[in-house]
Amino acid sequence: MKLSQIAAKPKLIEISIDDEEIIKEYAEPLTFYTWDRQPMDVFTRMANLSESSDIAGLLDVVRTLVLDEDAKPILEKDSTLPTPVLMKVISKVTEQSVHSLFIHVSF
């Protein structure tokens, strides 16, 4: 397969956090949006962060990936989420990024 066949502009996709703990706490799933594929600079930063303990860097990357339905960042420099929710958001974003990589690239 030619790379030109899978190269495309990123698309905004909805992510839902709907586990038992979230439903119990908020009475409904929590949703946010992210891109179906990450720009190379974001992907590289994520890869480098996986080998370090740079929490501030991780949060900066997450801020660029956690979006509303208009593709605007939800988390500003002075706002954050409750820690249990933030951990689930980070997990979902990371999961989506890895999933997208393996969907678009076959080894």
C-alpha atoms as a PDB file:
ATOM      1  CA  MET A   1       0.000   0.000   0.000  1.00  0.00           C
ATOM      2  CA  LYS A   2       1.241   3.473  -0.814  1.00  0.00           C
ATOM      3  CA  LEU A   3       1.495   6.002   1.997  1.00  0.00           C
ATOM      4  CA  SER A   4      -0.466   8.444  -0.127  1.00  0.00           C
ATOM      5  CA  GLN A   5      -3.483   6.161   0.294  1.00  0.00           C
ATOM      6  CA  ILE A   6      -3.561   6.637   4.063  1.00  0.00           C
ATOM      7  CA  ALA A   7      -2.305  10.209   4.355  1.00  0.00           C
ATOM      8  CA  ALA A   8      -5.144  12.531   5.303  1.00  0.00           C
ATOM      9  CA  LYS A   9      -5.956  15.598   7.309  1.00  0.00           C
ATOM     10  CA  PRO A  10      -6.799  14.844  10.946  1.00  0.00           C
ATOM     11  CA  LYS A  11     -10.492  14.443  11.745  1.00  0.00           C
ATOM     12  CA  LEU A  12     -12.118  15.363  15.016  1.00  0.00           C
ATOM     13  CA  ILE A  13     -13.509  12.312  16.802  1.00  0.00           C
ATOM     14  CA  GLU A  14     -15.606  11.990  19.938  1.00  0.00           C
ATOM     15  CA  ILE A  15     -14.231  10.110  22.927  1.00  0.00           C
ATOM     16  CA  SER A  16     -16.510   8.919  25.709  1.00  0.00           C
ATOM     17  CA  ILE A  17     -15.598   7.915  29.245  1.00  0.00           C
ATOM     18  CA  ASP A  18     -18.446   5.756  30.429  1.00  0.00           C
ATOM     19  CA  ASP A  19     -17.132   3.386  33.042  1.00  0.00           C
ATOM     20  CA  GLU A  20     -19.059   2.575  36.216  1.00  0.00           C
ATOM     21  CA  GLU A  21     -17.148   5.074  38.359  1.00  0.00           C
ATOM     22  CA  ILE A  22     -17.866   7.972  35.965  1.00  0.00           C
ATOM     23  CA  ILE A  23     -21.550   7.098  35.611  1.00  0.00           C
ATOM     24  CA  LYS A  24     -21.906   6.838  39.385  1.00  0.00           C
ATOM     25  CA  GLU A  25     -20.223  10.226  39.933  1.00  0.00           C
ATOM     26  CA  TYR A  26     -21.675  12.237  37.023  1.00  0.00           C
ATOM     27  CA  ALA A  27     -24.842  10.266  36.110  1.00  0.00           C
ATOM     28  CA  GLU A  28     -23.803  10.202  32.439  1.00  0.00           C
ATOM     29  CA  PRO A  29     -20.741   9.571  30.276  1.00  0.00           C
ATOM     30  CA  LEU A  30     -18.163  12.336  29.941  1.00  0.00           C
ATOM     31  CA  THR A  31     -17.304  13.232  26.359  1.00  0.00           C
ATOM     32  CA  PHE A  32     -14.570  15.210  24.691  1.00  0.00           C
ATOM     33  CA  TYR A  33     -12.962  15.323  21.288  1.00  0.00           C
ATOM     34  CA  THR A  34      -9.511  14.687  19.900  1.00  0.00           C
ATOM     35  CA  TRP A  35      -7.909  14.141  16.519  1.00  0.00           C
ATOM     36  CA  ASP A  36      -7.950  10.719  14.872  1.00  0.00           C
ATOM     37  CA  ARG A  37      -4.255  11.187  14.096  1.00  0.00           C
ATOM     38  CA  GLN A  38      -1.660  13.348  15.764  1.00  0.00           C
ATOM     39  CA  PRO A  39       0.693  15.877  14.201  1.00  0.00           C
ATOM     40  CA  MET A  40       4.266  14.603  14.131  1.00  0.00           C
ATOM     41  CA  ASP A  41       5.448  17.102  16.764  1.00  0.00           C
ATOM     42  CA  VAL A  42       2.752  15.955  19.206  1.00  0.00           C
ATOM     43  CA  PHE A  43       3.456  12.298  18.479  1.00  0.00           C
ATOM     44  CA  THR A  44       7.192  12.830  19.039  1.00  0.00           C
ATOM     45  CA  ARG A  45       6.566  14.685  22.305  1.00  0.00           C
ATOM     46  CA  MET A  46       4.326  11.832  23.495  1.00  0.00           C
ATOM     47  CA  ALA A  47       6.965   9.249  22.604  1.00  0.00           C
ATOM     48  CA  ASN A  48       9.662  11.186  24.456  1.00  0.00           C
ATOM     49  CA  LEU A  49       7.412  11.623  27.485  1.00  0.00           C
ATOM     50  CA  SER A  50       6.867   7.884  27.743  1.00  0.00           C
ATOM     51  CA  GLU A  51      10.566   7.550  28.539  1.00  0.00           C
ATOM     52  CA  SER A  52      10.658  10.313  31.145  1.00  0.00           C
ATOM     53  CA  SER A  53       8.767  11.482  34.191  1.00  0.00           C
ATOM     54  CA  ASP A  54       7.987  14.962  32.831  1.00  0.00           C
ATOM     55  CA  ILE A  55       4.474  15.429  34.236  1.00  0.00           C
ATOM     56  CA  ALA A  56       4.324  19.092  33.179  1.00  0.00           C
ATOM     57  CA  GLY A  57       5.223  18.079  29.625  1.00  0.00           C
ATOM     58  CA  LEU A  58       2.561  15.378  29.672  1.00  0.00           C
ATOM     59  CA  LEU A  59      -0.077  17.862  30.780  1.00  0.00           C
ATOM     60  CA  ASP A  60       0.961  20.274  28.021  1.00  0.00           C
ATOM     61  CA  VAL A  61       0.507  17.541  25.421  1.00  0.00           C
ATOM     62  CA  VAL A  62      -2.846  16.519  26.911  1.00  0.00           C
ATOM     63  CA  ARG A  63      -4.018  20.143  26.740  1.00  0.00           C
ATOM     64  CA  THR A  64      -3.422  20.138  22.984  1.00  0.00           C
ATOM     65  CA  LEU A  65      -5.341  16.892  22.512  1.00  0.00           C
ATOM     66  CA  VAL A  66      -8.406  17.325  24.757  1.00  0.00           C
ATOM     67  CA  LEU A  67     -10.798  19.409  22.700  1.00  0.00           C
ATOM     68  CA  ASP A  68     -14.420  20.482  22.561  1.00  0.00           C
ATOM     69  CA  GLU A  69     -16.707  19.890  19.569  1.00  0.00           C
ATOM     70  CA  ASP A  70     -15.282  23.016  17.888  1.00  0.00           C
ATOM     71  CA  ALA A  71     -11.692  21.699  18.196  1.00  0.00           C
ATOM     72  CA  LYS A  72     -10.848  24.238  20.894  1.00  0.00           C
ATOM     73  CA  PRO A  73      -8.796  23.112  23.918  1.00  0.00           C
ATOM     74  CA  ILE A  74     -10.907  22.347  26.979  1.00  0.00           C
ATOM     75  CA  LEU A  75      -8.061  22.650  29.465  1.00  0.00           C
ATOM     76  CA  GLU A  76      -6.539  26.090  29.717  1.00  0.00           C
ATOM     77  CA  LYS A  77      -3.349  26.862  31.634  1.00  0.00           C
ATOM     78  CA  ASP A  78      -5.353  27.803  34.730  1.00  0.00           C
ATOM     79  CA  SER A  79      -7.914  24.983  34.637  1.00  0.00           C
ATOM     80  CA  THR A  80      -7.749  21.273  35.220  1.00  0.00           C
ATOM     81  CA  LEU A  81      -9.984  18.284  35.813  1.00  0.00           C
ATOM     82  CA  PRO A  82     -10.515  16.257  38.972  1.00  0.00           C
ATOM     83  CA  THR A  83      -7.568  13.883  39.236  1.00  0.00           C
ATOM     84  CA  PRO A  84      -9.536  10.625  38.647  1.00  0.00           C
ATOM     85  CA  VAL A  85     -11.111  12.150  35.514  1.00  0.00           C
ATOM     86  CA  LEU A  86      -7.788  13.557  34.303  1.00  0.00           C
ATOM     87  CA  MET A  87      -6.185  10.114  34.608  1.00  0.00           C
ATOM     88  CA  LYS A  88      -8.989   8.571  32.548  1.00  0.00           C
ATOM     89  CA  VAL A  89      -8.719  11.348  29.936  1.00  0.00           C
ATOM     90  CA  ILE A  90      -4.954  10.811  29.646  1.00  0.00           C
ATOM     91  CA  SER A  91      -5.543   7.086  29.274  1.00  0.00           C
ATOM     92  CA  LYS A  92      -8.186   7.571  26.568  1.00  0.00           C
ATOM     93  CA  VAL A  93      -6.063  10.062  24.606  1.00  0.00           C
ATOM     94  CA  THR A  94      -3.018   7.793  24.783  1.00  0.00           C
ATOM     95  CA  GLU A  95      -5.107   4.763  23.839  1.00  0.00           C
ATOM     96  CA  GLN A  96      -6.599   6.627  20.867  1.00  0.00           C
ATOM     97  CA  SER A  97      -3.185   7.824  19.680  1.00  0.00           C
ATOM     98  CA  VAL A  98      -1.703   4.339  19.802  1.00  0.00           C
ATOM     99  CA  HIS A  99      -4.824   2.831  18.224  1.00  0.00           C
ATOM    100  CA  SER A 100      -4.679   5.354  15.378  1.00  0.00           C
ATOM    101  CA  LEU A 101      -1.028   4.588  14.754  1.00  0.00           C
ATOM    102  CA  PHE A 102      -1.692   0.871  14.385  1.00  0.00           C
ATOM    103  CA  ILE A 103      -4.868   1.325  12.349  1.00  0.00           C
ATOM    104  CA  HIS A 104      -3.050   3.421   9.758  1.00  0.00           C
ATOM    105  CA  VAL A 105       0.233   1.533   9.705  1.00  0.00           C
ATOM    106  CA  SER A 106       0.479  -2.214   9.258  1.00  0.00           C
ATOM    107  CA  PHE A 107       3.783  -3.850  10.201  1.00  0.00           C
END
